[in-house]
């Protein structure tokens, strides 16, 4: 009689918060971030300021990193492993044109958290995993005004990843409290969200609470 395969259960899906693409008032945003992180369970904060210069990025990290880390939230800088290492971030998130995992690891050290955008490609994700990435990100699953996107993966990619690979996967792109649960059920270890929190009509804290409720209903 054949033995049933042993499937190790994964932890419940958690929220991965991304900053707005621009932060014109850093002090006001810091207050909103405090409220958001105090409102529910957030695993990580990605500081993503694509059009800001190095000085502005470093200034944002200097203000936001202590707020997040004091609450046990990992701080991930988008695109720039050099600035992430220089500013003491917990990790870096790399796009496909942002350099290699190995180069980022050399800059940031073996304990850094390195994630890689893989769009809708399991092949890119496998390459990232084999290169030593700590997580891969698939998306955009839904239309988003936060950034221009051309890839639209099917949620099945999350299911297949869960069944075949151990490192976590992040779902990203236009995710709301109404759609987060479906992606968690499909296999996302984390859902990455920006506008659904920062643009919530009742404030960022309400946005986090709504997402936490949606994810808790799945676990």
Protein backbone atom coordinates (compact mmCIF):
# COMPACT_ATOMS: atom_id res chain seq x y z
CA UNK A 1 0.00 0.00 0.00
CA UNK A 2 1.48 3.33 -1.05
CA UNK A 3 2.25 5.84 1.66
CA UNK A 4 0.53 9.21 1.55
CA UNK A 5 3.00 12.04 0.96
CA UNK A 6 3.76 14.13 4.03
CA UNK A 7 2.69 17.71 3.43
CA UNK A 8 4.12 20.19 5.91
CA UNK A 9 1.48 22.83 6.66
CA UNK A 10 2.50 26.40 6.01
CA UNK A 11 1.77 29.32 8.34
CA UNK A 12 -1.31 31.44 7.58
CA UNK A 13 -1.03 34.06 4.85
CA UNK A 14 0.11 37.44 6.15
CA UNK A 15 0.06 41.04 4.98
CA UNK A 16 3.10 42.54 3.23
CA UNK A 17 2.66 46.31 3.16
CA UNK A 18 4.16 48.54 0.46
CA UNK A 19 4.51 52.30 0.78
CA UNK A 20 2.84 54.63 -1.72
CA UNK A 21 5.05 55.43 -4.74
CA UNK A 22 5.64 58.95 -3.37
CA UNK A 23 5.63 60.33 0.17
CA UNK A 24 5.37 64.13 -0.02
CA UNK A 25 4.93 64.58 3.76
CA UNK A 26 7.18 62.11 5.55
CA UNK A 27 6.10 63.12 9.06
CA UNK A 28 2.40 62.70 8.24
CA UNK A 29 3.06 59.36 6.58
CA UNK A 30 5.03 58.18 9.60
CA UNK A 31 1.95 58.79 11.75
CA UNK A 32 -0.23 56.90 9.28
CA UNK A 33 2.27 54.03 9.27
CA UNK A 34 2.23 53.82 13.06
CA UNK A 35 -1.57 53.61 13.02
CA UNK A 36 -1.54 51.00 10.26
CA UNK A 37 1.02 48.75 11.94
CA UNK A 38 -0.77 49.02 15.28
CA UNK A 39 -4.08 48.00 13.68
CA UNK A 40 -3.25 44.40 12.80
CA UNK A 41 -0.75 41.79 11.73
CA UNK A 42 1.80 43.05 9.20
CA UNK A 43 4.80 40.88 8.33
CA UNK A 44 6.87 43.31 6.27
CA UNK A 45 7.05 46.88 5.01
CA UNK A 46 8.54 47.51 1.59
CA UNK A 47 9.77 51.05 1.08
CA UNK A 48 9.17 51.61 -2.61
CA UNK A 49 10.00 55.10 -3.87
CA UNK A 50 10.84 54.59 -7.53
CA UNK A 51 11.23 58.24 -8.53
CA UNK A 52 12.99 59.51 -5.40
CA UNK A 53 16.69 60.30 -5.33
CA UNK A 54 19.08 58.49 -3.00
CA UNK A 55 18.91 61.17 -0.32
CA UNK A 56 15.12 61.03 -0.20
CA UNK A 57 15.13 57.24 -0.03
CA UNK A 58 17.63 57.24 2.82
CA UNK A 59 15.65 59.93 4.64
CA UNK A 60 12.49 57.84 4.34
CA UNK A 61 14.26 54.72 5.62
CA UNK A 62 15.68 56.67 8.57
CA UNK A 63 12.18 57.70 9.66
CA UNK A 64 10.15 54.60 8.76
CA UNK A 65 12.55 51.78 9.64
CA UNK A 66 12.49 52.35 13.42
CA UNK A 67 8.68 52.49 13.41
CA UNK A 68 8.41 49.16 11.64
CA UNK A 69 11.23 47.34 13.38
CA UNK A 70 9.97 48.37 16.82
CA UNK A 71 6.80 46.44 15.97
CA UNK A 72 8.59 43.36 14.67
CA UNK A 73 7.93 44.26 11.03
CA UNK A 74 10.74 43.53 8.56
CA UNK A 75 11.85 46.49 6.44
CA UNK A 76 12.52 45.74 2.78
CA UNK A 77 13.88 48.33 0.37
CA UNK A 78 12.82 48.13 -3.25
CA UNK A 79 15.42 47.83 -6.02
CA UNK A 80 18.55 49.05 -4.22
CA UNK A 81 20.64 46.52 -2.27
CA UNK A 82 23.40 49.12 -1.90
CA UNK A 83 21.10 51.57 -0.12
CA UNK A 84 19.44 48.75 1.80
CA UNK A 85 22.79 47.65 3.19
CA UNK A 86 23.89 51.21 3.88
CA UNK A 87 20.72 52.07 5.79
CA UNK A 88 20.38 48.86 7.78
CA UNK A 89 17.25 47.48 6.15
CA UNK A 90 16.31 43.87 6.79
CA UNK A 91 16.27 43.06 3.11
CA UNK A 92 15.80 44.13 -0.48
CA UNK A 93 13.26 43.39 -3.19
CA UNK A 94 14.72 42.98 -6.67
CA UNK A 95 12.99 43.45 -10.00
CA UNK A 96 14.19 41.47 -12.98
CA UNK A 97 16.48 44.35 -14.00
CA UNK A 98 17.82 45.17 -10.52
CA UNK A 99 20.83 42.88 -10.44
CA UNK A 100 21.41 39.35 -9.23
CA UNK A 101 20.49 37.67 -5.99
CA UNK A 102 24.14 36.75 -5.46
CA UNK A 103 25.30 40.35 -5.84
CA UNK A 104 22.63 41.53 -3.40
CA UNK A 105 23.64 38.79 -0.97
CA UNK A 106 27.25 39.89 -1.16
CA UNK A 107 26.28 43.47 -0.38
CA UNK A 108 23.77 42.69 2.37
CA UNK A 109 25.05 39.54 4.03
CA UNK A 110 23.72 36.05 4.50
CA UNK A 111 20.98 37.06 6.97
CA UNK A 112 19.34 39.60 4.66
CA UNK A 113 15.91 38.88 3.22
CA UNK A 114 16.02 38.96 -0.58
CA UNK A 115 12.88 38.80 -2.68
CA UNK A 116 12.54 38.73 -6.45
CA UNK A 117 9.75 39.83 -8.77
CA UNK A 118 8.88 36.95 -11.10
CA UNK A 119 5.77 38.31 -12.85
CA UNK A 120 3.81 35.33 -14.19
CA UNK A 121 6.76 32.99 -14.70
CA UNK A 122 7.46 29.84 -12.72
CA UNK A 123 10.75 29.59 -14.61
CA UNK A 124 11.93 32.97 -13.32
CA UNK A 125 10.77 31.98 -9.84
CA UNK A 126 12.67 28.69 -9.94
CA UNK A 127 15.79 30.54 -11.09
CA UNK A 128 15.42 32.97 -8.19
CA UNK A 129 14.92 30.15 -5.70
CA UNK A 130 17.95 28.30 -6.98
CA UNK A 131 19.99 31.52 -6.74
CA UNK A 132 19.14 31.79 -3.05
CA UNK A 133 16.17 34.16 -2.93
CA UNK A 134 14.18 34.09 0.31
CA UNK A 135 10.86 34.66 -1.43
CA UNK A 136 9.43 35.18 -4.91
CA UNK A 137 6.66 37.54 -5.92
CA UNK A 138 4.05 36.89 -8.60
CA UNK A 139 1.80 39.56 -10.12
CA UNK A 140 0.09 41.77 -10.93
CA UNK A 141 -3.00 39.67 -10.24
CA UNK A 142 -5.35 42.62 -10.71
CA UNK A 143 -5.16 46.03 -12.40
CA UNK A 144 -3.28 48.56 -10.29
CA UNK A 145 -2.65 52.28 -10.50
CA UNK A 146 0.47 52.00 -8.34
CA UNK A 147 2.71 50.94 -11.24
CA UNK A 148 2.49 49.99 -14.90
CA UNK A 149 2.03 46.24 -15.34
CA UNK A 150 1.90 43.93 -18.34
CA UNK A 151 1.79 40.50 -16.65
CA UNK A 152 -1.43 39.01 -15.29
CA UNK A 153 -0.81 35.58 -13.73
CA UNK A 154 -3.54 33.11 -12.91
CA UNK A 155 -3.88 32.35 -9.17
CA UNK A 156 -3.11 28.73 -10.04
CA UNK A 157 0.56 29.71 -10.19
CA UNK A 158 0.42 30.15 -6.40
CA UNK A 159 -1.09 26.70 -5.95
CA UNK A 160 1.53 25.04 -8.12
CA UNK A 161 4.31 26.88 -6.29
CA UNK A 162 2.97 25.75 -2.91
CA UNK A 163 2.90 22.15 -4.10
CA UNK A 164 6.42 22.11 -5.50
CA UNK A 165 8.69 24.65 -3.78
CA UNK A 166 9.37 25.44 -0.15
CA UNK A 167 10.36 29.11 -0.24
CA UNK A 168 7.44 31.53 0.27
CA UNK A 169 5.54 33.26 -2.50
CA UNK A 170 4.05 36.75 -2.43
CA UNK A 171 0.99 37.80 -4.43
CA UNK A 172 1.04 41.41 -5.59
CA UNK A 173 -0.92 43.81 -7.74
CA UNK A 174 -4.25 45.54 -7.14
CA UNK A 175 -5.14 43.35 -4.17
CA UNK A 176 -7.99 44.47 -1.92
CA UNK A 177 -9.77 43.07 1.12
CA UNK A 178 -12.27 41.54 -1.29
CA UNK A 179 -9.63 39.66 -3.30
CA UNK A 180 -6.95 38.88 -0.70
CA UNK A 181 -8.73 35.81 0.64
CA UNK A 182 -8.92 34.16 -2.75
CA UNK A 183 -5.19 34.56 -3.29
CA UNK A 184 -4.48 33.23 0.19
CA UNK A 185 -6.62 30.18 -0.55
CA UNK A 186 -4.80 29.71 -3.84
CA UNK A 187 -1.48 29.49 -2.01
CA UNK A 188 -0.02 32.93 -1.33
CA UNK A 189 2.14 33.04 1.78
CA UNK A 190 1.90 36.83 1.76
CA UNK A 191 -0.30 39.37 -0.01
CA UNK A 192 1.45 42.62 -0.90
CA UNK A 193 -0.82 45.65 -0.68
CA UNK A 194 -0.42 49.39 -1.09
CA UNK A 195 -3.43 51.39 -2.29
CA UNK A 196 -6.00 49.28 -0.42
CA UNK A 197 -4.40 50.47 2.82
CA UNK A 198 -3.16 53.98 2.10
CA UNK A 199 -6.22 55.00 0.05
CA UNK A 200 -8.81 53.38 2.32
CA UNK A 201 -11.67 55.85 2.86
CA UNK A 202 -11.54 55.34 6.62
CA UNK A 203 -7.76 55.55 6.92
CA UNK A 204 -4.80 53.22 6.78
CA UNK A 205 -5.63 51.48 10.07
CA UNK A 206 -9.06 50.54 8.74
CA UNK A 207 -7.43 49.23 5.58
CA UNK A 208 -5.15 46.92 7.56
CA UNK A 209 -8.03 45.70 9.73
CA UNK A 210 -10.10 44.86 6.66
CA UNK A 211 -7.28 42.90 5.10
CA UNK A 212 -6.51 41.09 8.33
CA UNK A 213 -10.14 40.04 8.62
CA UNK A 214 -10.08 38.72 5.07
CA UNK A 215 -6.92 36.70 5.69
CA UNK A 216 -8.09 35.42 9.07
CA UNK A 217 -11.22 34.05 7.43
CA UNK A 218 -9.02 31.78 5.29
CA UNK A 219 -6.84 30.34 8.05
